[in-house]
Amino acid sequence: MKVSTRGRYALRIMLDLALADSSKPVRVKEIAERQGISEKYMEQIISILNKAGYVRSIRGPQGGYFLTRKPEEYTAGMILRLTEGSMAPVECLEYEDCNCSRQQDCVTFLLWKKLDDAIRGIIDDVTLEDLVSWSRERGQDYSI
């Protein structure tokens, strides 16, 4: 499994907004500069986050983006699945009803299932608030 730049950048954008923890919206340009992401690419990603209702935008000269929920209400898994799609290591685990005809006899299915459980156990347990805490422990805080 490999997470693309879209997924990694989406997490960084959401983290940046959570760290800003401000009553005023954060401008795309500011996030792009802090995160080293081109504004054009960032706008594509933030559009996905906006359409999903994870962020909200305010237009105008004082406009920008802010989170629609508290950081503890987002998981890394939510953000990654939104931008990456399924995080399952193999296709037969992408859906609850596995329709693989080999599942009963497939020894490697057990390996893929354990890997999927491990991935879910991490990305669905780590919240944006956890990332904020880890970031602040490292001395990174963008509070405005």
N, C-alpha and C. Protein backbone atom coordinates (compact mmCIF):
# COMPACT_ATOMS: atom_id res chain seq x y z
N MET A 1 0.84 -1.17 0.00
CA MET A 1 0.00 0.00 0.00
C MET A 1 0.88 1.23 0.00
N LYS A 2 0.54 2.15 -0.86
CA LYS A 2 1.28 3.40 -0.94
C LYS A 2 0.29 4.55 -0.97
N VAL A 3 0.47 5.51 -0.09
CA VAL A 3 -0.41 6.67 -0.04
C VAL A 3 0.15 7.72 -1.00
N SER A 4 -0.71 8.24 -1.87
CA SER A 4 -0.27 9.22 -2.87
C SER A 4 -0.05 10.59 -2.23
N THR A 5 0.49 11.50 -3.02
CA THR A 5 0.69 12.86 -2.51
C THR A 5 -0.65 13.50 -2.16
N ARG A 6 -1.70 13.15 -2.91
CA ARG A 6 -3.02 13.72 -2.61
C ARG A 6 -3.45 13.37 -1.19
N GLY A 7 -3.30 12.12 -0.79
CA GLY A 7 -3.66 11.70 0.56
C GLY A 7 -2.76 12.33 1.61
N ARG A 8 -1.47 12.33 1.35
CA ARG A 8 -0.53 12.92 2.31
C ARG A 8 -0.77 14.42 2.47
N TYR A 9 -0.98 15.11 1.35
CA TYR A 9 -1.21 16.55 1.41
C TYR A 9 -2.55 16.87 2.06
N ALA A 10 -3.56 16.04 1.82
CA ALA A 10 -4.86 16.28 2.46
C ALA A 10 -4.72 16.23 3.98
N LEU A 11 -3.96 15.27 4.48
CA LEU A 11 -3.73 15.20 5.93
C LEU A 11 -2.98 16.44 6.41
N ARG A 12 -1.98 16.88 5.64
CA ARG A 12 -1.22 18.07 6.04
C ARG A 12 -2.08 19.33 6.02
N ILE A 13 -2.96 19.44 5.04
CA ILE A 13 -3.86 20.60 4.96
C ILE A 13 -4.80 20.61 6.16
N MET A 14 -5.40 19.46 6.45
CA MET A 14 -6.32 19.37 7.59
C MET A 14 -5.58 19.65 8.90
N LEU A 15 -4.37 19.15 9.02
CA LEU A 15 -3.57 19.41 10.22
C LEU A 15 -3.26 20.90 10.33
N ASP A 16 -2.89 21.52 9.23
CA ASP A 16 -2.59 22.95 9.24
C ASP A 16 -3.80 23.75 9.71
N LEU A 17 -4.98 23.41 9.20
CA LEU A 17 -6.20 24.10 9.63
C LEU A 17 -6.49 23.86 11.11
N ALA A 18 -6.24 22.64 11.57
CA ALA A 18 -6.47 22.33 12.99
C ALA A 18 -5.48 23.08 13.87
N LEU A 19 -4.24 23.20 13.43
CA LEU A 19 -3.24 23.93 14.21
C LEU A 19 -3.52 25.43 14.23
N ALA A 20 -4.11 25.94 13.17
CA ALA A 20 -4.42 27.37 13.12
C ALA A 20 -5.41 27.72 14.22
N ASP A 21 -6.35 26.80 14.49
CA ASP A 21 -7.27 26.92 15.62
C ASP A 21 -7.72 28.37 15.82
N SER A 22 -8.13 28.97 14.74
CA SER A 22 -8.46 30.39 14.78
C SER A 22 -9.93 30.61 14.47
N SER A 23 -10.43 31.72 14.92
CA SER A 23 -11.81 32.07 14.61
C SER A 23 -11.93 32.65 13.20
N LYS A 24 -10.80 33.02 12.62
CA LYS A 24 -10.85 33.53 11.25
C LYS A 24 -10.34 32.47 10.28
N PRO A 25 -10.87 32.47 9.07
CA PRO A 25 -10.47 31.46 8.09
C PRO A 25 -9.00 31.60 7.69
N VAL A 26 -8.42 30.50 7.25
CA VAL A 26 -7.02 30.47 6.83
C VAL A 26 -6.98 30.47 5.31
N ARG A 27 -6.17 31.34 4.76
CA ARG A 27 -6.07 31.47 3.30
C ARG A 27 -5.26 30.33 2.70
N VAL A 28 -5.66 29.93 1.50
CA VAL A 28 -4.98 28.87 0.76
C VAL A 28 -3.50 29.18 0.60
N LYS A 29 -3.21 30.41 0.28
CA LYS A 29 -1.82 30.83 0.06
C LYS A 29 -0.96 30.59 1.31
N GLU A 30 -1.52 30.88 2.48
CA GLU A 30 -0.78 30.69 3.74
C GLU A 30 -0.48 29.21 3.97
N ILE A 31 -1.49 28.37 3.76
CA ILE A 31 -1.29 26.93 3.97
C ILE A 31 -0.28 26.41 2.96
N ALA A 32 -0.43 26.81 1.71
CA ALA A 32 0.47 26.35 0.65
C ALA A 32 1.92 26.70 0.98
N GLU A 33 2.14 27.91 1.47
CA GLU A 33 3.50 28.34 1.83
C GLU A 33 4.04 27.51 2.99
N ARG A 34 3.25 27.34 4.04
CA ARG A 34 3.70 26.58 5.21
C ARG A 34 3.97 25.12 4.87
N GLN A 35 3.14 24.55 4.02
CA GLN A 35 3.22 23.12 3.73
C GLN A 35 4.07 22.79 2.51
N GLY A 36 4.50 23.80 1.78
CA GLY A 36 5.31 23.55 0.60
C GLY A 36 4.53 22.83 -0.50
N ILE A 37 3.27 23.19 -0.65
CA ILE A 37 2.40 22.60 -1.66
C ILE A 37 2.04 23.70 -2.65
N SER A 38 2.05 23.40 -3.94
CA SER A 38 1.66 24.43 -4.90
C SER A 38 0.20 24.80 -4.65
N GLU A 39 -0.10 26.08 -4.83
CA GLU A 39 -1.47 26.54 -4.59
C GLU A 39 -2.45 25.83 -5.50
N LYS A 40 -2.05 25.62 -6.73
CA LYS A 40 -2.94 24.99 -7.71
C LYS A 40 -3.31 23.56 -7.27
N TYR A 41 -2.31 22.80 -6.86
CA TYR A 41 -2.57 21.42 -6.41
C TYR A 41 -3.37 21.42 -5.11
N MET A 42 -3.03 22.35 -4.23
CA MET A 42 -3.74 22.44 -2.97
C MET A 42 -5.21 22.77 -3.18
N GLU A 43 -5.50 23.64 -4.12
CA GLU A 43 -6.90 23.99 -4.41
C GLU A 43 -7.68 22.77 -4.88
N GLN A 44 -7.04 21.88 -5.66
CA GLN A 44 -7.71 20.65 -6.09
C GLN A 44 -8.06 19.78 -4.89
N ILE A 45 -7.12 19.66 -3.98
CA ILE A 45 -7.32 18.80 -2.80
C ILE A 45 -8.35 19.42 -1.86
N ILE A 46 -8.24 20.71 -1.63
CA ILE A 46 -9.16 21.35 -0.69
C ILE A 46 -10.58 21.36 -1.26
N SER A 47 -10.70 21.33 -2.58
CA SER A 47 -12.02 21.22 -3.21
C SER A 47 -12.67 19.90 -2.84
N ILE A 48 -11.90 18.83 -2.81
CA ILE A 48 -12.41 17.50 -2.41
C ILE A 48 -12.86 17.55 -0.95
N LEU A 49 -12.03 18.15 -0.10
CA LEU A 49 -12.35 18.27 1.32
C LEU A 49 -13.60 19.13 1.54
N ASN A 50 -13.73 20.18 0.73
CA ASN A 50 -14.88 21.08 0.83
C ASN A 50 -16.16 20.37 0.40
N LYS A 51 -16.12 19.67 -0.72
CA LYS A 51 -17.31 18.96 -1.21
C LYS A 51 -17.77 17.90 -0.23
N ALA A 52 -16.84 17.31 0.50
CA ALA A 52 -17.19 16.28 1.49
C ALA A 52 -17.68 16.90 2.80
N GLY A 53 -17.56 18.22 2.92
CA GLY A 53 -18.00 18.88 4.14
C GLY A 53 -16.98 18.85 5.27
N TYR A 54 -15.75 18.48 4.96
CA TYR A 54 -14.70 18.45 5.98
C TYR A 54 -14.19 19.85 6.30
N VAL A 55 -14.22 20.73 5.29
CA VAL A 55 -13.83 22.13 5.47
C VAL A 55 -14.92 22.99 4.87
N ARG A 56 -14.89 24.25 5.24
CA ARG A 56 -15.84 25.21 4.69
C ARG A 56 -15.06 26.44 4.26
N SER A 57 -15.54 27.07 3.22
CA SER A 57 -14.84 28.26 2.73
C SER A 57 -15.67 29.51 2.97
N ILE A 58 -14.95 30.60 3.12
CA ILE A 58 -15.55 31.93 3.21
C ILE A 58 -14.90 32.74 2.10
N ARG A 59 -15.70 33.35 1.28
CA ARG A 59 -15.16 34.14 0.17
C ARG A 59 -14.84 35.56 0.62
N GLY A 60 -14.08 36.23 -0.23
CA GLY A 60 -13.78 37.64 0.01
C GLY A 60 -12.36 37.85 0.48
N PRO A 61 -11.99 39.10 0.67
CA PRO A 61 -10.61 39.45 1.03
C PRO A 61 -10.19 38.86 2.39
N GLN A 62 -11.12 38.68 3.28
CA GLN A 62 -10.80 38.09 4.58
C GLN A 62 -11.16 36.60 4.62
N GLY A 63 -11.40 36.03 3.44
CA GLY A 63 -11.87 34.66 3.34
C GLY A 63 -10.76 33.63 3.48
N GLY A 64 -11.18 32.40 3.40
CA GLY A 64 -10.27 31.28 3.52
C GLY A 64 -11.04 30.03 3.91
N TYR A 65 -10.36 29.10 4.53
CA TYR A 65 -10.97 27.82 4.91
C TYR A 65 -10.84 27.58 6.41
N PHE A 66 -11.79 26.80 6.92
CA PHE A 66 -11.70 26.34 8.30
C PHE A 66 -12.37 24.97 8.40
N LEU A 67 -12.05 24.24 9.45
CA LEU A 67 -12.64 22.93 9.68
C LEU A 67 -14.10 23.08 10.06
N THR A 68 -14.92 22.12 9.66
CA THR A 68 -16.34 22.17 10.00
C THR A 68 -16.64 21.43 11.29
N ARG A 69 -15.69 20.64 11.76
CA ARG A 69 -15.86 19.88 13.00
C ARG A 69 -14.63 20.06 13.88
N LYS A 70 -14.72 19.54 15.07
CA LYS A 70 -13.56 19.55 15.97
C LYS A 70 -12.53 18.54 15.47
N PRO A 71 -11.25 18.81 15.70
CA PRO A 71 -10.20 17.89 15.22
C PRO A 71 -10.36 16.44 15.71
N GLU A 72 -10.92 16.26 16.90
CA GLU A 72 -11.08 14.89 17.41
C GLU A 72 -12.18 14.12 16.68
N GLU A 73 -12.95 14.81 15.84
CA GLU A 73 -14.03 14.15 15.09
C GLU A 73 -13.60 13.65 13.71
N TYR A 74 -12.36 13.92 13.34
CA TYR A 74 -11.81 13.42 12.07
C TYR A 74 -10.78 12.34 12.38
N THR A 75 -10.79 11.27 11.62
CA THR A 75 -9.71 10.29 11.73
C THR A 75 -8.84 10.37 10.48
N ALA A 76 -7.63 9.89 10.61
CA ALA A 76 -6.75 9.81 9.44
C ALA A 76 -7.40 8.95 8.37
N GLY A 77 -8.07 7.88 8.79
CA GLY A 77 -8.75 6.99 7.85
C GLY A 77 -9.82 7.70 7.05
N MET A 78 -10.59 8.56 7.68
CA MET A 78 -11.64 9.32 6.97
C MET A 78 -11.02 10.16 5.86
N ILE A 79 -9.97 10.85 6.19
CA ILE A 79 -9.32 11.77 5.25
C ILE A 79 -8.65 10.98 4.12
N LEU A 80 -7.95 9.91 4.49
CA LEU A 80 -7.27 9.11 3.48
C LEU A 80 -8.25 8.40 2.55
N ARG A 81 -9.33 7.85 3.08
CA ARG A 81 -10.31 7.18 2.21
C ARG A 81 -10.99 8.17 1.27
N LEU A 82 -11.21 9.39 1.75
CA LEU A 82 -11.82 10.41 0.91
C LEU A 82 -10.93 10.71 -0.29
N THR A 83 -9.65 10.84 -0.06
CA THR A 83 -8.72 11.24 -1.12
C THR A 83 -8.09 10.07 -1.87
N GLU A 84 -8.00 8.92 -1.22
CA GLU A 84 -7.33 7.76 -1.83
C GLU A 84 -8.29 6.68 -2.30
N GLY A 85 -9.48 6.67 -1.73
CA GLY A 85 -10.38 5.54 -1.98
C GLY A 85 -10.12 4.47 -0.94
N SER A 86 -10.35 3.25 -1.28
CA SER A 86 -10.16 2.15 -0.34
C SER A 86 -8.71 2.07 0.13
N MET A 87 -8.52 1.72 1.38
CA MET A 87 -7.17 1.52 1.92
C MET A 87 -6.87 0.03 2.07
N ALA A 88 -7.76 -0.82 1.56
CA ALA A 88 -7.56 -2.27 1.65
C ALA A 88 -6.35 -2.68 0.81
N PRO A 89 -5.55 -3.61 1.32
CA PRO A 89 -4.34 -4.01 0.59
C PRO A 89 -4.63 -4.84 -0.65
N VAL A 90 -5.79 -5.50 -0.70
CA VAL A 90 -6.17 -6.29 -1.88
C VAL A 90 -7.65 -6.04 -2.18
N GLU A 91 -8.01 -6.23 -3.43
CA GLU A 91 -9.36 -5.93 -3.88
C GLU A 91 -10.45 -6.71 -3.14
N CYS A 92 -10.16 -7.96 -2.79
CA CYS A 92 -11.21 -8.77 -2.18
C CYS A 92 -11.59 -8.28 -0.78
N LEU A 93 -10.83 -7.35 -0.21
CA LEU A 93 -11.18 -6.81 1.10
C LEU A 93 -11.79 -5.40 1.03
N GLU A 94 -12.00 -4.91 -0.17
CA GLU A 94 -12.52 -3.55 -0.31
C GLU A 94 -13.97 -3.43 0.13
N TYR A 95 -14.71 -4.52 0.05
CA TYR A 95 -16.14 -4.48 0.37
C TYR A 95 -16.42 -5.50 1.47
N GLU A 96 -17.44 -5.21 2.26
CA GLU A 96 -17.81 -6.12 3.36
C GLU A 96 -18.12 -7.52 2.84
N ASP A 97 -18.86 -7.60 1.76
CA ASP A 97 -19.20 -8.90 1.18
C ASP A 97 -18.15 -9.27 0.15
N CYS A 98 -17.18 -10.04 0.57
CA CYS A 98 -16.14 -10.49 -0.33
C CYS A 98 -16.74 -11.54 -1.27
N ASN A 99 -16.70 -11.26 -2.54
CA ASN A 99 -17.27 -12.19 -3.50
C ASN A 99 -16.21 -13.01 -4.24
N CYS A 100 -15.06 -13.15 -3.64
CA CYS A 100 -13.99 -13.94 -4.24
C CYS A 100 -14.30 -15.43 -4.08
N SER A 101 -14.31 -16.12 -5.18
CA SER A 101 -14.64 -17.55 -5.15
C SER A 101 -13.55 -18.37 -4.46
N ARG A 102 -12.37 -17.82 -4.32
CA ARG A 102 -11.25 -18.55 -3.71
C ARG A 102 -11.11 -18.29 -2.21
N GLN A 103 -11.92 -17.42 -1.65
CA GLN A 103 -11.73 -16.98 -0.26
C GLN A 103 -11.62 -18.15 0.72
N GLN A 104 -12.47 -19.14 0.62
CA GLN A 104 -12.47 -20.26 1.57
C GLN A 104 -11.19 -21.08 1.51
N ASP A 105 -10.57 -21.15 0.34
CA ASP A 105 -9.36 -21.96 0.17
C ASP A 105 -8.08 -21.13 0.09
N CYS A 106 -8.21 -19.84 0.18
CA CYS A 106 -7.06 -18.96 -0.03
C CYS A 106 -6.31 -18.73 1.28
N VAL A 107 -5.14 -19.31 1.37
CA VAL A 107 -4.33 -19.16 2.58
C VAL A 107 -3.83 -17.72 2.70
N THR A 108 -3.52 -17.09 1.59
CA THR A 108 -3.00 -15.72 1.65
C THR A 108 -4.08 -14.72 2.08
N PHE A 109 -5.35 -15.10 1.95
CA PHE A 109 -6.43 -14.23 2.41
C PHE A 109 -6.24 -13.88 3.88
N LEU A 110 -5.79 -14.84 4.68
CA LEU A 110 -5.56 -14.58 6.10
C LEU A 110 -4.49 -13.50 6.30
N LEU A 111 -3.46 -13.55 5.50
CA LEU A 111 -2.41 -12.53 5.56
C LEU A 111 -2.98 -11.16 5.21
N TRP A 112 -3.72 -11.09 4.09
CA TRP A 112 -4.29 -9.81 3.66
C TRP A 112 -5.28 -9.27 4.67
N LYS A 113 -6.05 -10.14 5.28
CA LYS A 113 -7.02 -9.74 6.30
C LYS A 113 -6.31 -9.16 7.53
N LYS A 114 -5.24 -9.81 7.97
CA LYS A 114 -4.47 -9.31 9.11
C LYS A 114 -3.85 -7.94 8.79
N LEU A 115 -3.34 -7.81 7.58
CA LEU A 115 -2.76 -6.53 7.16
C LEU A 115 -3.83 -5.44 7.12
N ASP A 116 -4.99 -5.77 6.57
CA ASP A 116 -6.10 -4.82 6.51
C ASP A 116 -6.54 -4.41 7.92
N ASP A 117 -6.65 -5.38 8.81
CA ASP A 117 -7.03 -5.08 10.20
C ASP A 117 -6.01 -4.16 10.86
N ALA A 118 -4.72 -4.40 10.60
CA ALA A 118 -3.67 -3.57 11.19
C ALA A 118 -3.75 -2.13 10.65
N ILE A 119 -3.93 -2.00 9.35
CA ILE A 119 -4.04 -0.67 8.74
C ILE A 119 -5.24 0.08 9.32
N ARG A 120 -6.39 -0.58 9.32
CA ARG A 120 -7.60 0.05 9.87
C ARG A 120 -7.42 0.39 11.34
N GLY A 121 -6.76 -0.50 12.07
CA GLY A 121 -6.55 -0.28 13.50
C GLY A 121 -5.75 0.97 13.79
N ILE A 122 -4.91 1.36 12.86
CA ILE A 122 -4.11 2.57 13.05
C ILE A 122 -4.82 3.78 12.48
N ILE A 123 -5.16 3.76 11.20
CA ILE A 123 -5.69 4.98 10.58
C ILE A 123 -7.08 5.36 11.09
N ASP A 124 -7.83 4.38 11.58
CA ASP A 124 -9.15 4.70 12.12
C ASP A 124 -9.11 5.05 13.60
N ASP A 125 -7.94 4.89 14.21
CA ASP A 125 -7.78 5.22 15.62
C ASP A 125 -7.09 6.57 15.82
N VAL A 126 -6.29 6.98 14.86
CA VAL A 126 -5.56 8.24 14.97
C VAL A 126 -6.45 9.37 14.48
N THR A 127 -6.69 10.34 15.35
CA THR A 127 -7.53 11.48 15.00
C THR A 127 -6.67 12.67 14.59
N LEU A 128 -7.33 13.65 14.01
CA LEU A 128 -6.65 14.89 13.69
C LEU A 128 -6.14 15.56 14.97
N GLU A 129 -6.87 15.40 16.05
CA GLU A 129 -6.42 15.94 17.35
C GLU A 129 -5.12 15.28 17.80
N ASP A 130 -4.98 13.97 17.54
CA ASP A 130 -3.72 13.28 17.85
C ASP A 130 -2.58 13.89 17.06
N LEU A 131 -2.82 14.15 15.78
CA LEU A 131 -1.78 14.76 14.94
C LEU A 131 -1.42 16.16 15.44
N VAL A 132 -2.43 16.90 15.89
CA VAL A 132 -2.19 18.23 16.47
C VAL A 132 -1.28 18.09 17.69
N SER A 133 -1.60 17.16 18.56
CA SER A 133 -0.79 16.94 19.77
C SER A 133 0.64 16.56 19.42
N TRP A 134 0.78 15.64 18.47
CA TRP A 134 2.13 15.20 18.07
C TRP A 134 2.90 16.37 17.45
N SER A 135 2.21 17.20 16.69
CA SER A 135 2.85 18.35 16.06
C SER A 135 3.32 19.36 17.11
N ARG A 136 2.47 19.59 18.09
CA ARG A 136 2.84 20.55 19.14
C ARG A 136 3.98 20.03 20.00
N GLU A 137 4.02 18.71 20.20
CA GLU A 137 5.15 18.11 20.93
C GLU A 137 6.47 18.35 20.21
N ARG A 138 6.39 18.46 18.89
CA ARG A 138 7.58 18.71 18.08
C ARG A 138 7.85 20.21 17.91
N GLY A 139 7.01 21.04 18.53
CA GLY A 139 7.22 22.48 18.47
C GLY A 139 6.63 23.13 17.24
N GLN A 140 5.73 22.45 16.54
CA GLN A 140 5.09 23.02 15.35
C GLN A 140 3.70 23.46 15.73
N ASP A 141 3.48 24.76 15.70
CA ASP A 141 2.17 25.31 16.03
C ASP A 141 1.96 26.55 15.17
N TYR A 142 0.88 26.55 14.40
CA TYR A 142 0.61 27.64 13.49
C TYR A 142 -0.48 28.56 14.02
N SER A 143 -0.73 28.52 15.31
CA SER A 143 -1.80 29.35 15.85
C SER A 143 -1.63 30.81 15.41
N ILE A 144 -2.74 31.37 15.00
CA ILE A 144 -2.71 32.73 14.47
C ILE A 144 -3.20 33.70 15.52
